């Protein structure tokens, strides 16, 4: 597969994960996205490992601006998406995504513009 196909596939998993509310579907899609992102970290192509970080940045930016249409639950939407992206980082490498996500989420629990942003941030941290 070329880069564009992989990016489209990854984005398809990502958007499905953010918009589904059925727990069984969320689990399977989350596992698929995690496997995809893990395999992209292992490729020789320097563009592919950045997909997981770009997706995480996209979620955090959307969360910070309050631009989300997801339910406020720990078990659906944003939390599983962030968790699978964090779990996709290779073991043994210095973790970059985890500290970045924690820092931003702690900041949003205190300084989020709305209660919804604070609740989403707390749900993700849980």
PDB file of N, CA and C in Angstrom:
ATOM      1  N   UNK A   1       0.849  -1.186   0.000  1.00  0.00           N
ATOM      2  CA  UNK A   1       0.000   0.000   0.000  1.00  0.00           C
ATOM      3  C   UNK A   1       0.886   1.238   0.000  1.00  0.00           C
ATOM      4  N   UNK A   2       0.434   2.262  -0.671  1.00  0.00           N
ATOM      5  CA  UNK A   2       1.217   3.484  -0.632  1.00  0.00           C
ATOM      6  C   UNK A   2       0.771   4.349   0.549  1.00  0.00           C
ATOM      7  N   UNK A   3       1.484   5.429   0.759  1.00  0.00           N
ATOM      8  CA  UNK A   3       1.258   6.288   1.919  1.00  0.00           C
ATOM      9  C   UNK A   3      -0.176   6.813   1.980  1.00  0.00           C
ATOM     10  N   UNK A   4      -0.716   7.276   0.863  1.00  0.00           N
ATOM     11  CA  UNK A   4      -2.070   7.839   0.862  1.00  0.00           C
ATOM     12  C   UNK A   4      -3.115   6.798   1.237  1.00  0.00           C
ATOM     13  N   UNK A   5      -2.958   5.572   0.742  1.00  0.00           N
ATOM     14  CA  UNK A   5      -3.894   4.497   1.089  1.00  0.00           C
ATOM     15  C   UNK A   5      -3.838   4.184   2.581  1.00  0.00           C
ATOM     16  N   UNK A   6      -2.627   4.128   3.129  1.00  0.00           N
ATOM     17  CA  UNK A   6      -2.485   3.863   4.558  1.00  0.00           C
ATOM     18  C   UNK A   6      -3.088   4.987   5.396  1.00  0.00           C
ATOM     19  N   UNK A   7      -2.872   6.208   4.951  1.00  0.00           N
ATOM     20  CA  UNK A   7      -3.424   7.342   5.682  1.00  0.00           C
ATOM     21  C   UNK A   7      -4.952   7.333   5.631  1.00  0.00           C
ATOM     22  N   UNK A   8      -5.529   7.016   4.474  1.00  0.00           N
ATOM     23  CA  UNK A   8      -6.992   6.932   4.356  1.00  0.00           C
ATOM     24  C   UNK A   8      -7.551   5.823   5.243  1.00  0.00           C
ATOM     25  N   UNK A   9      -6.887   4.679   5.245  1.00  0.00           N
ATOM     26  CA  UNK A   9      -7.327   3.568   6.071  1.00  0.00           C
ATOM     27  C   UNK A   9      -7.266   3.929   7.556  1.00  0.00           C
ATOM     28  N   UNK A  10      -6.168   4.516   7.965  1.00  0.00           N
ATOM     29  CA  UNK A  10      -6.001   4.919   9.361  1.00  0.00           C
ATOM     30  C   UNK A  10      -7.047   5.952   9.752  1.00  0.00           C
ATOM     31  N   UNK A  11      -7.268   6.938   8.892  1.00  0.00           N
ATOM     32  CA  UNK A  11      -8.277   7.960   9.193  1.00  0.00           C
ATOM     33  C   UNK A  11      -9.676   7.367   9.253  1.00  0.00           C
ATOM     34  N   UNK A  12      -9.956   6.346   8.434  1.00  0.00           N
ATOM     35  CA  UNK A  12     -11.250   5.677   8.490  1.00  0.00           C
ATOM     36  C   UNK A  12     -11.477   5.010   9.837  1.00  0.00           C
ATOM     37  N   UNK A  13     -10.460   4.282  10.328  1.00  0.00           N
ATOM     38  CA  UNK A  13     -10.537   3.676  11.654  1.00  0.00           C
ATOM     39  C   UNK A  13     -10.732   4.754  12.720  1.00  0.00           C
ATOM     40  N   UNK A  14      -9.948   5.817  12.614  1.00  0.00           N
ATOM     41  CA  UNK A  14      -9.946   6.886  13.600  1.00  0.00           C
ATOM     42  C   UNK A  14     -11.318   7.554  13.693  1.00  0.00           C
ATOM     43  N   UNK A  15     -11.901   7.930  12.573  1.00  0.00           N
ATOM     44  CA  UNK A  15     -13.198   8.611  12.588  1.00  0.00           C
ATOM     45  C   UNK A  15     -14.320   7.685  13.024  1.00  0.00           C
ATOM     46  N   UNK A  16     -14.233   6.401  12.662  1.00  0.00           N
ATOM     47  CA  UNK A  16     -15.232   5.439  13.133  1.00  0.00           C
ATOM     48  C   UNK A  16     -15.155   5.317  14.647  1.00  0.00           C
ATOM     49  N   UNK A  17     -13.955   5.255  15.176  1.00  0.00           N
ATOM     50  CA  UNK A  17     -13.763   5.126  16.619  1.00  0.00           C
ATOM     51  C   UNK A  17     -14.329   6.330  17.368  1.00  0.00           C
ATOM     52  N   UNK A  18     -14.144   7.507  16.827  1.00  0.00           N
ATOM     53  CA  UNK A  18     -14.642   8.708  17.492  1.00  0.00           C
ATOM     54  C   UNK A  18     -16.161   8.828  17.447  1.00  0.00           C
ATOM     55  N   UNK A  19     -16.801   8.182  16.489  1.00  0.00           N
ATOM     56  CA  UNK A  19     -18.231   8.388  16.302  1.00  0.00           C
ATOM     57  C   UNK A  19     -19.117   7.216  16.706  1.00  0.00           C
ATOM     58  N   UNK A  20     -18.547   6.068  17.018  1.00  0.00           N
ATOM     59  CA  UNK A  20     -19.355   4.918  17.419  1.00  0.00           C
ATOM     60  C   UNK A  20     -19.684   4.969  18.902  1.00  0.00           C
ATOM     61  N   UNK A  21     -20.806   4.348  19.255  1.00  0.00           N
ATOM     62  CA  UNK A  21     -21.202   4.307  20.653  1.00  0.00           C
ATOM     63  C   UNK A  21     -21.382   2.876  21.158  1.00  0.00           C
ATOM     64  N   UNK A  22     -21.280   1.882  20.295  1.00  0.00           N
ATOM     65  CA  UNK A  22     -21.444   0.482  20.681  1.00  0.00           C
ATOM     66  C   UNK A  22     -20.113  -0.062  21.183  1.00  0.00           C
ATOM     67  N   UNK A  23     -20.085  -0.532  22.432  1.00  0.00           N
ATOM     68  CA  UNK A  23     -18.825  -0.917  23.072  1.00  0.00           C
ATOM     69  C   UNK A  23     -18.065  -2.007  22.323  1.00  0.00           C
ATOM     70  N   UNK A  24     -18.759  -3.024  21.797  1.00  0.00           N
ATOM     71  CA  UNK A  24     -18.073  -4.080  21.060  1.00  0.00           C
ATOM     72  C   UNK A  24     -17.375  -3.550  19.827  1.00  0.00           C
ATOM     73  N   UNK A  25     -18.041  -2.665  19.107  1.00  0.00           N
ATOM     74  CA  UNK A  25     -17.446  -2.067  17.910  1.00  0.00           C
ATOM     75  C   UNK A  25     -16.268  -1.176  18.275  1.00  0.00           C
ATOM     76  N   UNK A  26     -16.415  -0.433  19.351  1.00  0.00           N
ATOM     77  CA  UNK A  26     -15.332   0.450  19.787  1.00  0.00           C
ATOM     78  C   UNK A  26     -14.086  -0.364  20.105  1.00  0.00           C
ATOM     79  N   UNK A  27     -14.260  -1.461  20.820  1.00  0.00           N
ATOM     80  CA  UNK A  27     -13.102  -2.300  21.177  1.00  0.00           C
ATOM     81  C   UNK A  27     -12.391  -2.831  19.944  1.00  0.00           C
ATOM     82  N   UNK A  28     -13.153  -3.344  18.980  1.00  0.00           N
ATOM     83  CA  UNK A  28     -12.532  -3.929  17.783  1.00  0.00           C
ATOM     84  C   UNK A  28     -11.847  -2.863  16.929  1.00  0.00           C
ATOM     85  N   UNK A  29     -12.486  -1.742  16.763  1.00  0.00           N
ATOM     86  CA  UNK A  29     -11.885  -0.673  15.955  1.00  0.00           C
ATOM     87  C   UNK A  29     -10.667  -0.100  16.667  1.00  0.00           C
ATOM     88  N   UNK A  30     -10.745   0.036  17.972  1.00  0.00           N
ATOM     89  CA  UNK A  30      -9.608   0.519  18.747  1.00  0.00           C
ATOM     90  C   UNK A  30      -8.405  -0.416  18.599  1.00  0.00           C
ATOM     91  N   UNK A  31      -8.650  -1.729  18.667  1.00  0.00           N
ATOM     92  CA  UNK A  31      -7.563  -2.702  18.486  1.00  0.00           C
ATOM     93  C   UNK A  31      -6.985  -2.615  17.079  1.00  0.00           C
ATOM     94  N   UNK A  32      -7.851  -2.448  16.081  1.00  0.00           N
ATOM     95  CA  UNK A  32      -7.377  -2.337  14.702  1.00  0.00           C
ATOM     96  C   UNK A  32      -6.527  -1.104  14.487  1.00  0.00           C
ATOM     97  N   UNK A  33      -6.974   0.035  15.032  1.00  0.00           N
ATOM     98  CA  UNK A  33      -6.207   1.276  14.885  1.00  0.00           C
ATOM     99  C   UNK A  33      -4.876   1.168  15.620  1.00  0.00           C
ATOM    100  N   UNK A  34      -4.889   0.554  16.788  1.00  0.00           N
ATOM    101  CA  UNK A  34      -3.635   0.376  17.530  1.00  0.00           C
ATOM    102  C   UNK A  34      -2.648  -0.478  16.734  1.00  0.00           C
ATOM    103  N   UNK A  35      -3.125  -1.567  16.150  1.00  0.00           N
ATOM    104  CA  UNK A  35      -2.259  -2.438  15.346  1.00  0.00           C
ATOM    105  C   UNK A  35      -1.724  -1.699  14.127  1.00  0.00           C
ATOM    106  N   UNK A  36      -2.590  -0.941  13.459  1.00  0.00           N
ATOM    107  CA  UNK A  36      -2.147  -0.155  12.303  1.00  0.00           C
ATOM    108  C   UNK A  36      -1.057   0.830  12.694  1.00  0.00           C
ATOM    109  N   UNK A  37      -1.295   1.576  13.768  1.00  0.00           N
ATOM    110  CA  UNK A  37      -0.317   2.579  14.188  1.00  0.00           C
ATOM    111  C   UNK A  37       0.981   1.928  14.645  1.00  0.00           C
ATOM    112  N   UNK A  38       0.893   0.787  15.345  1.00  0.00           N
ATOM    113  CA  UNK A  38       2.112   0.082  15.758  1.00  0.00           C
ATOM    114  C   UNK A  38       2.934  -0.341  14.550  1.00  0.00           C
ATOM    115  N   UNK A  39       2.258  -0.867  13.536  1.00  0.00           N
ATOM    116  CA  UNK A  39       2.994  -1.315  12.358  1.00  0.00           C
ATOM    117  C   UNK A  39       3.604  -0.137  11.604  1.00  0.00           C
ATOM    118  N   UNK A  40       2.970   1.014  11.657  1.00  0.00           N
ATOM    119  CA  UNK A  40       3.524   2.194  10.988  1.00  0.00           C
ATOM    120  C   UNK A  40       4.774   2.700  11.692  1.00  0.00           C
ATOM    121  N   UNK A  41       4.833   2.519  13.020  1.00  0.00           N
ATOM    122  CA  UNK A  41       6.049   2.892  13.746  1.00  0.00           C
ATOM    123  C   UNK A  41       7.233   2.036  13.302  1.00  0.00           C
ATOM    124  N   UNK A  42       6.955   0.807  12.881  1.00  0.00           N
ATOM    125  CA  UNK A  42       8.031  -0.133  12.551  1.00  0.00           C
ATOM    126  C   UNK A  42       8.507  -0.037  11.109  1.00  0.00           C
ATOM    127  N   UNK A  43       7.840   0.741  10.274  1.00  0.00           N
ATOM    128  CA  UNK A  43       8.235   0.829   8.870  1.00  0.00           C
ATOM    129  C   UNK A  43       9.463   1.704   8.696  1.00  0.00           C
ATOM    130  N   UNK A  44      10.064   1.587   7.546  1.00  0.00           N
ATOM    131  CA  UNK A  44      11.246   2.400   7.236  1.00  0.00           C
ATOM    132  C   UNK A  44      10.868   3.778   6.691  1.00  0.00           C
ATOM    133  N   UNK A  45       9.610   3.934   6.278  1.00  0.00           N
ATOM    134  CA  UNK A  45       9.152   5.203   5.729  1.00  0.00           C
ATOM    135  C   UNK A  45       9.041   6.241   6.853  1.00  0.00           C
ATOM    136  N   UNK A  46       9.762   7.355   6.784  1.00  0.00           N
ATOM    137  CA  UNK A  46       9.768   8.326   7.879  1.00  0.00           C
ATOM    138  C   UNK A  46       8.441   9.083   8.048  1.00  0.00           C
ATOM    139  N   UNK A  47       7.545   9.026   7.063  1.00  0.00           N
ATOM    140  CA  UNK A  47       6.271   9.736   7.180  1.00  0.00           C
ATOM    141  C   UNK A  47       5.249   8.958   8.003  1.00  0.00           C
ATOM    142  N   UNK A  48       5.317   7.647   7.975  1.00  0.00           N
ATOM    143  CA  UNK A  48       4.277   6.834   8.598  1.00  0.00           C
ATOM    144  C   UNK A  48       4.241   6.902  10.128  1.00  0.00           C
ATOM    145  N   UNK A  49       5.364   6.889  10.822  1.00  0.00           N
ATOM    146  CA  UNK A  49       5.273   6.936  12.286  1.00  0.00           C
ATOM    147  C   UNK A  49       4.585   8.198  12.812  1.00  0.00           C
ATOM    148  N   UNK A  50       4.568   9.245  12.040  1.00  0.00           N
ATOM    149  CA  UNK A  50       3.965  10.499  12.500  1.00  0.00           C
ATOM    150  C   UNK A  50       2.447  10.494  12.444  1.00  0.00           C
ATOM    151  N   UNK A  51       1.846   9.483  11.822  1.00  0.00           N
ATOM    152  CA  UNK A  51       0.391   9.459  11.732  1.00  0.00           C
ATOM    153  C   UNK A  51      -0.259   9.404  13.114  1.00  0.00           C
ATOM    154  N   UNK A  52       0.225   8.559  14.013  1.00  0.00           N
ATOM    155  CA  UNK A  52      -0.358   8.450  15.352  1.00  0.00           C
ATOM    156  C   UNK A  52      -0.240   9.776  16.094  1.00  0.00           C
ATOM    157  N   UNK A  53       0.899  10.425  15.970  1.00  0.00           N
ATOM    158  CA  UNK A  53       1.072  11.715  16.649  1.00  0.00           C
ATOM    159  C   UNK A  53       0.170  12.782  16.044  1.00  0.00           C
ATOM    160  N   UNK A  54       0.025  12.756  14.724  1.00  0.00           N
ATOM    161  CA  UNK A  54      -0.869  13.729  14.082  1.00  0.00           C
ATOM    162  C   UNK A  54      -2.319  13.510  14.499  1.00  0.00           C
ATOM    163  N   UNK A  55      -2.726  12.258  14.621  1.00  0.00           N
ATOM    164  CA  UNK A  55      -4.090  11.967  15.074  1.00  0.00           C
ATOM    165  C   UNK A  55      -4.286  12.423  16.519  1.00  0.00           C
ATOM    166  N   UNK A  56      -3.294  12.192  17.373  1.00  0.00           N
ATOM    167  CA  UNK A  56      -3.374  12.644  18.761  1.00  0.00           C
ATOM    168  C   UNK A  56      -3.463  14.167  18.821  1.00  0.00           C
ATOM    169  N   UNK A  57      -2.638  14.841  18.034  1.00  0.00           N
ATOM    170  CA  UNK A  57      -2.690  16.306  17.991  1.00  0.00           C
ATOM    171  C   UNK A  57      -4.063  16.794  17.539  1.00  0.00           C
ATOM    172  N   UNK A  58      -4.632  16.093  16.581  1.00  0.00           N
ATOM    173  CA  UNK A  58      -5.952  16.455  16.070  1.00  0.00           C
ATOM    174  C   UNK A  58      -7.009  16.331  17.174  1.00  0.00           C
ATOM    175  N   UNK A  59      -6.959  15.259  17.945  1.00  0.00           N
ATOM    176  CA  UNK A  59      -7.916  15.082  19.043  1.00  0.00           C
ATOM    177  C   UNK A  59      -7.721  16.164  20.101  1.00  0.00           C
ATOM    178  N   UNK A  60      -6.482  16.383  20.511  1.00  0.00           N
ATOM    179  CA  UNK A  60      -6.222  17.364  21.575  1.00  0.00           C
ATOM    180  C   UNK A  60      -6.606  18.771  21.154  1.00  0.00           C
ATOM    181  N   UNK A  61      -6.357  19.121  19.901  1.00  0.00           N
ATOM    182  CA  UNK A  61      -6.744  20.440  19.394  1.00  0.00           C
ATOM    183  C   UNK A  61      -8.254  20.574  19.364  1.00  0.00           C
ATOM    184  N   UNK A  62      -8.927  19.536  18.904  1.00  0.00           N
ATOM    185  CA  UNK A  62     -10.386  19.527  18.862  1.00  0.00           C
ATOM    186  C   UNK A  62     -10.961  19.627  20.271  1.00  0.00           C
ATOM    187  N   UNK A  63     -10.372  18.910  21.198  1.00  0.00           N
ATOM    188  CA  UNK A  63     -10.826  18.943  22.581  1.00  0.00           C
ATOM    189  C   UNK A  63     -10.638  20.322  23.195  1.00  0.00           C
ATOM    190  N   UNK A  64      -9.475  20.898  22.974  1.00  0.00           N
ATOM    191  CA  UNK A  64      -9.175  22.214  23.547  1.00  0.00           C
ATOM    192  C   UNK A  64     -10.126  23.285  23.030  1.00  0.00           C
ATOM    193  N   UNK A  65     -10.472  23.217  21.752  1.00  0.00           N
ATOM    194  CA  UNK A  65     -11.349  24.233  21.167  1.00  0.00           C
ATOM    195  C   UNK A  65     -12.821  23.960  21.460  1.00  0.00           C
ATOM    196  N   UNK A  66     -13.124  22.781  22.025  1.00  0.00           N
ATOM    197  CA  UNK A  66     -14.517  22.446  22.294  1.00  0.00           C
ATOM    198  C   UNK A  66     -15.252  22.009  21.038  1.00  0.00           C
ATOM    199  N   UNK A  67     -14.510  21.679  20.002  1.00  0.00           N
ATOM    200  CA  UNK A  67     -15.084  21.298  18.715  1.00  0.00           C
ATOM    201  C   UNK A  67     -15.192  19.777  18.624  1.00  0.00           C
ATOM    202  N   UNK A  68     -16.177  19.217  19.324  1.00  0.00           N
ATOM    203  CA  UNK A  68     -16.381  17.775  19.284  1.00  0.00           C
ATOM    204  C   UNK A  68     -17.872  17.489  19.382  1.00  0.00           C
ATOM    205  N   UNK A  69     -18.251  16.335  18.833  1.00  0.00           N
ATOM    206  CA  UNK A  69     -19.657  15.941  18.857  1.00  0.00           C
ATOM    207  C   UNK A  69     -19.809  14.586  19.544  1.00  0.00           C
ATOM    208  N   UNK A  70     -18.921  14.267  20.431  1.00  0.00           N
ATOM    209  CA  UNK A  70     -18.915  12.961  21.062  1.00  0.00           C
ATOM    210  C   UNK A  70     -19.658  12.991  22.390  1.00  0.00           C
ATOM    211  N   UNK A  71     -20.130  11.830  22.781  1.00  0.00           N
ATOM    212  CA  UNK A  71     -20.793  11.720  24.068  1.00  0.00           C
ATOM    213  C   UNK A  71     -19.773  11.862  25.186  1.00  0.00           C
ATOM    214  N   UNK A  72     -20.235  12.354  26.326  1.00  0.00           N
ATOM    215  CA  UNK A  72     -19.356  12.541  27.471  1.00  0.00           C
ATOM    216  C   UNK A  72     -19.320  11.257  28.299  1.00  0.00           C
ATOM    217  N   UNK A  73     -18.654  10.227  27.767  1.00  0.00           N
ATOM    218  CA  UNK A  73     -18.517   8.959  28.472  1.00  0.00           C
ATOM    219  C   UNK A  73     -17.066   8.533  28.438  1.00  0.00           C
ATOM    220  N   UNK A  74     -16.684   7.791  29.490  1.00  0.00           N
ATOM    221  CA  UNK A  74     -15.308   7.259  29.504  1.00  0.00           C
ATOM    222  C   UNK A  74     -15.157   6.107  28.536  1.00  0.00           C
ATOM    223  N   UNK A  75     -16.274   5.482  28.154  1.00  0.00           N
ATOM    224  CA  UNK A  75     -16.189   4.261  27.358  1.00  0.00           C
ATOM    225  C   UNK A  75     -16.435   4.473  25.866  1.00  0.00           C
ATOM    226  N   UNK A  76     -16.631   5.696  25.438  1.00  0.00           N
ATOM    227  CA  UNK A  76     -16.933   5.916  24.018  1.00  0.00           C
ATOM    228  C   UNK A  76     -16.259   7.177  23.506  1.00  0.00           C
ATOM    229  N   UNK A  77     -16.010   7.180  22.218  1.00  0.00           N
ATOM    230  CA  UNK A  77     -15.510   8.380  21.552  1.00  0.00           C
ATOM    231  C   UNK A  77     -14.049   8.673  21.780  1.00  0.00           C
ATOM    232  N   UNK A  78     -13.787   9.805  22.353  1.00  0.00           N
ATOM    233  CA  UNK A  78     -12.423  10.322  22.475  1.00  0.00           C
ATOM    234  C   UNK A  78     -11.506   9.461  23.357  1.00  0.00           C
ATOM    235  N   UNK A  79     -11.924   9.039  24.555  1.00  0.00           N
ATOM    236  CA  UNK A  79     -10.986   8.265  25.397  1.00  0.00           C
ATOM    237  C   UNK A  79     -10.409   7.014  24.732  1.00  0.00           C
ATOM    238  N   UNK A  80     -11.223   6.136  24.121  1.00  0.00           N
ATOM    239  CA  UNK A  80     -10.610   4.967  23.472  1.00  0.00           C
ATOM    240  C   UNK A  80      -9.676   5.336  22.318  1.00  0.00           C
ATOM    241  N   UNK A  81      -9.982   6.419  21.616  1.00  0.00           N
ATOM    242  CA  UNK A  81      -9.122   6.847  20.514  1.00  0.00           C
ATOM    243  C   UNK A  81      -7.747   7.262  21.040  1.00  0.00           C
ATOM    244  N   UNK A  82      -7.728   8.038  22.095  1.00  0.00           N
ATOM    245  CA  UNK A  82      -6.445   8.479  22.663  1.00  0.00           C
ATOM    246  C   UNK A  82      -5.687   7.291  23.238  1.00  0.00           C
ATOM    247  N   UNK A  83      -6.383   6.417  23.946  1.00  0.00           N
ATOM    248  CA  UNK A  83      -5.728   5.264  24.564  1.00  0.00           C
ATOM    249  C   UNK A  83      -5.056   4.384  23.518  1.00  0.00           C
ATOM    250  N   UNK A  84      -5.747   4.094  22.414  1.00  0.00           N
ATOM    251  CA  UNK A  84      -5.134   3.208  21.420  1.00  0.00           C
ATOM    252  C   UNK A  84      -3.938   3.888  20.737  1.00  0.00           C
ATOM    253  N   UNK A  85      -3.983   5.200  20.564  1.00  0.00           N
ATOM    254  CA  UNK A  85      -2.833   5.898  19.982  1.00  0.00           C
ATOM    255  C   UNK A  85      -1.641   5.862  20.932  1.00  0.00           C
ATOM    256  N   UNK A  86      -1.906   6.013  22.234  1.00  0.00           N
ATOM    257  CA  UNK A  86      -0.818   5.954  23.209  1.00  0.00           C
ATOM    258  C   UNK A  86      -0.230   4.549  23.291  1.00  0.00           C
ATOM    259  N   UNK A  87      -1.086   3.537  23.226  1.00  0.00           N
ATOM    260  CA  UNK A  87      -0.617   2.150  23.295  1.00  0.00           C
ATOM    261  C   UNK A  87       0.133   1.733  22.038  1.00  0.00           C
ATOM    262  N   UNK A  88      -0.023   2.464  20.959  1.00  0.00           N
ATOM    263  CA  UNK A  88       0.636   2.081  19.709  1.00  0.00           C
ATOM    264  C   UNK A  88       2.117   2.463  19.684  1.00  0.00           C
ATOM    265  N   UNK A  89       2.530   3.358  20.574  1.00  0.00           N
ATOM    266  CA  UNK A  89       3.949   3.744  20.612  1.00  0.00           C
ATOM    267  C   UNK A  89       4.801   2.530  20.986  1.00  0.00           C
ATOM    268  N   UNK A  90       5.878   2.279  20.270  1.00  0.00           N
ATOM    269  CA  UNK A  90       6.694   1.086  20.528  1.00  0.00           C
ATOM    270  C   UNK A  90       7.299   1.078  21.936  1.00  0.00           C
ATOM    271  N   UNK A  91       7.265  -0.096  22.547  1.00  0.00           N
ATOM    272  CA  UNK A  91       7.897  -0.288  23.850  1.00  0.00           C
ATOM    273  C   UNK A  91       9.406  -0.252  23.639  1.00  0.00           C
ATOM    274  N   UNK A  92      10.106   0.397  24.540  1.00  0.00           N
ATOM    275  CA  UNK A  92      11.560   0.473  24.421  1.00  0.00           C
ATOM    276  C   UNK A  92      12.028   1.815  23.886  1.00  0.00           C
ATOM    277  N   UNK A  93      11.168   2.478  23.105  1.00  0.00           N
ATOM    278  CA  UNK A  93      11.504   3.828  22.652  1.00  0.00           C
ATOM    279  C   UNK A  93      11.093   4.817  23.729  1.00  0.00           C
ATOM    280  N   UNK A  94      11.708   5.968  23.715  1.00  0.00           N
ATOM    281  CA  UNK A  94      11.305   7.010  24.652  1.00  0.00           C
ATOM    282  C   UNK A  94       9.886   7.455  24.282  1.00  0.00           C
ATOM    283  N   UNK A  95       8.984   7.376  25.237  1.00  0.00           N
ATOM    284  CA  UNK A  95       7.592   7.752  24.992  1.00  0.00           C
ATOM    285  C   UNK A  95       7.500   9.260  24.754  1.00  0.00           C
ATOM    286  N   UNK A  96       6.882   9.623  23.659  1.00  0.00           N
ATOM    287  CA  UNK A  96       6.658  11.040  23.356  1.00  0.00           C
ATOM    288  C   UNK A  96       5.182  11.397  23.496  1.00  0.00           C
ATOM    289  N   UNK A  97       4.323  10.480  23.052  1.00  0.00           N
ATOM    290  CA  UNK A  97       2.898  10.791  23.017  1.00  0.00           C
ATOM    291  C   UNK A  97       2.278  10.826  24.414  1.00  0.00           C
ATOM    292  N   UNK A  98       2.675   9.891  25.272  1.00  0.00           N
ATOM    293  CA  UNK A  98       2.073   9.808  26.600  1.00  0.00           C
ATOM    294  C   UNK A  98       2.296  11.086  27.419  1.00  0.00           C
ATOM    295  N   UNK A  99       3.540  11.562  27.566  1.00  0.00           N
ATOM    296  CA  UNK A  99       3.734  12.799  28.331  1.00  0.00           C
ATOM    297  C   UNK A  99       3.029  14.003  27.697  1.00  0.00           C
ATOM    298  N   UNK A 100       3.018  14.036  26.376  1.00  0.00           N
ATOM    299  CA  UNK A 100       2.354  15.129  25.662  1.00  0.00           C
ATOM    300  C   UNK A 100       0.859  15.129  25.976  1.00  0.00           C
ATOM    301  N   UNK A 101       0.227  13.949  25.907  1.00  0.00           N
ATOM    302  CA  UNK A 101      -1.207  13.839  26.163  1.00  0.00           C
ATOM    303  C   UNK A 101      -1.527  14.170  27.619  1.00  0.00           C
ATOM    304  N   UNK A 102      -0.758  13.620  28.555  1.00  0.00           N
ATOM    305  CA  UNK A 102      -1.015  13.890  29.972  1.00  0.00           C
ATOM    306  C   UNK A 102      -0.912  15.371  30.299  1.00  0.00           C
ATOM    307  N   UNK A 103       0.126  15.992  29.809  1.00  0.00           N
ATOM    308  CA  UNK A 103       0.326  17.414  30.065  1.00  0.00           C
ATOM    309  C   UNK A 103      -0.859  18.238  29.566  1.00  0.00           C
ATOM    310  N   UNK A 104      -1.296  17.966  28.347  1.00  0.00           N
ATOM    311  CA  UNK A 104      -2.398  18.722  27.755  1.00  0.00           C
ATOM    312  C   UNK A 104      -3.709  18.444  28.495  1.00  0.00           C
ATOM    313  N   UNK A 105      -3.950  17.176  28.834  1.00  0.00           N
ATOM    314  CA  UNK A 105      -5.196  16.832  29.516  1.00  0.00           C
ATOM    315  C   UNK A 105      -5.262  17.438  30.913  1.00  0.00           C
ATOM    316  N   UNK A 106      -4.149  17.416  31.659  1.00  0.00           N
ATOM    317  CA  UNK A 106      -4.139  18.064  32.975  1.00  0.00           C
ATOM    318  C   UNK A 106      -4.389  19.564  32.844  1.00  0.00           C
ATOM    319  N   UNK A 107      -3.792  20.160  31.837  1.00  0.00           N
ATOM    320  CA  UNK A 107      -4.005  21.587  31.589  1.00  0.00           C
ATOM    321  C   UNK A 107      -5.487  21.869  31.310  1.00  0.00           C
ATOM    322  N   UNK A 108      -6.112  21.027  30.494  1.00  0.00           N
ATOM    323  CA  UNK A 108      -7.519  21.245  30.135  1.00  0.00           C
ATOM    324  C   UNK A 108      -8.478  20.985  31.289  1.00  0.00           C
ATOM    325  N   UNK A 109      -8.111  20.114  32.231  1.00  0.00           N
ATOM    326  CA  UNK A 109      -8.991  19.898  33.382  1.00  0.00           C
ATOM    327  C   UNK A 109      -9.044  21.128  34.264  1.00  0.00           C
ATOM    328  N   UNK A 110      -7.997  21.901  34.251  1.00  0.00           N
ATOM    329  CA  UNK A 110      -7.955  23.117  35.066  1.00  0.00           C
ATOM    330  C   UNK A 110      -8.367  24.369  34.301  1.00  0.00           C
ATOM    331  N   UNK A 111      -7.952  24.463  33.044  1.00  0.00           N
ATOM    332  CA  UNK A 111      -8.119  25.710  32.304  1.00  0.00           C
ATOM    333  C   UNK A 111      -9.008  25.586  31.079  1.00  0.00           C
ATOM    334  N   UNK A 112      -9.749  24.481  30.970  1.00  0.00           N
ATOM    335  CA  UNK A 112     -10.644  24.315  29.826  1.00  0.00           C
ATOM    336  C   UNK A 112     -11.690  25.413  29.798  1.00  0.00           C
ATOM    337  N   UNK A 113     -12.082  25.838  28.599  1.00  0.00           N
ATOM    338  CA  UNK A 113     -13.023  26.959  28.457  1.00  0.00           C
ATOM    339  C   UNK A 113     -14.427  26.627  28.952  1.00  0.00           C
ATOM    340  N   UNK A 114     -14.806  25.359  28.848  1.00  0.00           N
ATOM    341  CA  UNK A 114     -16.166  24.963  29.245  1.00  0.00           C
ATOM    342  C   UNK A 114     -16.107  23.728  30.143  1.00  0.00           C
ATOM    343  N   UNK A 115     -17.229  23.462  30.812  1.00  0.00           N
ATOM    344  CA  UNK A 115     -17.310  22.262  31.645  1.00  0.00           C
ATOM    345  C   UNK A 115     -17.205  20.998  30.802  1.00  0.00           C
ATOM    346  N   UNK A 116     -17.759  21.015  29.576  1.00  0.00           N
ATOM    347  CA  UNK A 116     -17.668  19.845  28.698  1.00  0.00           C
ATOM    348  C   UNK A 116     -16.212  19.488  28.409  1.00  0.00           C
ATOM    349  N   UNK A 117     -15.393  20.479  28.166  1.00  0.00           N
ATOM    350  CA  UNK A 117     -13.969  20.240  27.903  1.00  0.00           C
ATOM    351  C   UNK A 117     -13.310  19.636  29.139  1.00  0.00           C
ATOM    352  N   UNK A 118     -13.634  20.166  30.303  1.00  0.00           N
ATOM    353  CA  UNK A 118     -13.065  19.640  31.547  1.00  0.00           C
ATOM    354  C   UNK A 118     -13.525  18.202  31.795  1.00  0.00           C
ATOM    355  N   UNK A 119     -14.799  17.919  31.537  1.00  0.00           N
ATOM    356  CA  UNK A 119     -15.332  16.567  31.744  1.00  0.00           C
ATOM    357  C   UNK A 119     -14.675  15.579  30.777  1.00  0.00           C
ATOM    358  N   UNK A 120     -14.570  15.947  29.510  1.00  0.00           N
ATOM    359  CA  UNK A 120     -13.907  15.072  28.530  1.00  0.00           C
ATOM    360  C   UNK A 120     -12.470  14.800  28.972  1.00  0.00           C
ATOM    361  N   UNK A 121     -11.770  15.825  29.402  1.00  0.00           N
ATOM    362  CA  UNK A 121     -10.373  15.658  29.823  1.00  0.00           C
ATOM    363  C   UNK A 121     -10.263  14.727  31.021  1.00  0.00           C
ATOM    364  N   UNK A 122     -11.145  14.888  32.005  1.00  0.00           N
ATOM    365  CA  UNK A 122     -11.146  14.001  33.159  1.00  0.00           C
ATOM    366  C   UNK A 122     -11.493  12.570  32.787  1.00  0.00           C
ATOM    367  N   UNK A 123     -12.474  12.394  31.891  1.00  0.00           N
ATOM    368  CA  UNK A 123     -12.843  11.056  31.438  1.00  0.00           C
ATOM    369  C   UNK A 123     -11.677  10.364  30.759  1.00  0.00           C
ATOM    370  N   UNK A 124     -10.930  11.094  29.964  1.00  0.00           N
ATOM    371  CA  UNK A 124      -9.781  10.507  29.277  1.00  0.00           C
ATOM    372  C   UNK A 124      -8.699  10.129  30.281  1.00  0.00           C
ATOM    373  N   UNK A 125      -8.463  10.983  31.248  1.00  0.00           N
ATOM    374  CA  UNK A 125      -7.458  10.692  32.261  1.00  0.00           C
ATOM    375  C   UNK A 125      -7.821   9.462  33.083  1.00  0.00           C
ATOM    376  N   UNK A 126      -9.113   9.271  33.349  1.00  0.00           N
ATOM    377  CA  UNK A 126      -9.551   8.084  34.108  1.00  0.00           C
ATOM    378  C   UNK A 126      -9.239   6.847  33.331  1.00  0.00           C
TER     379      UNK A 126
END
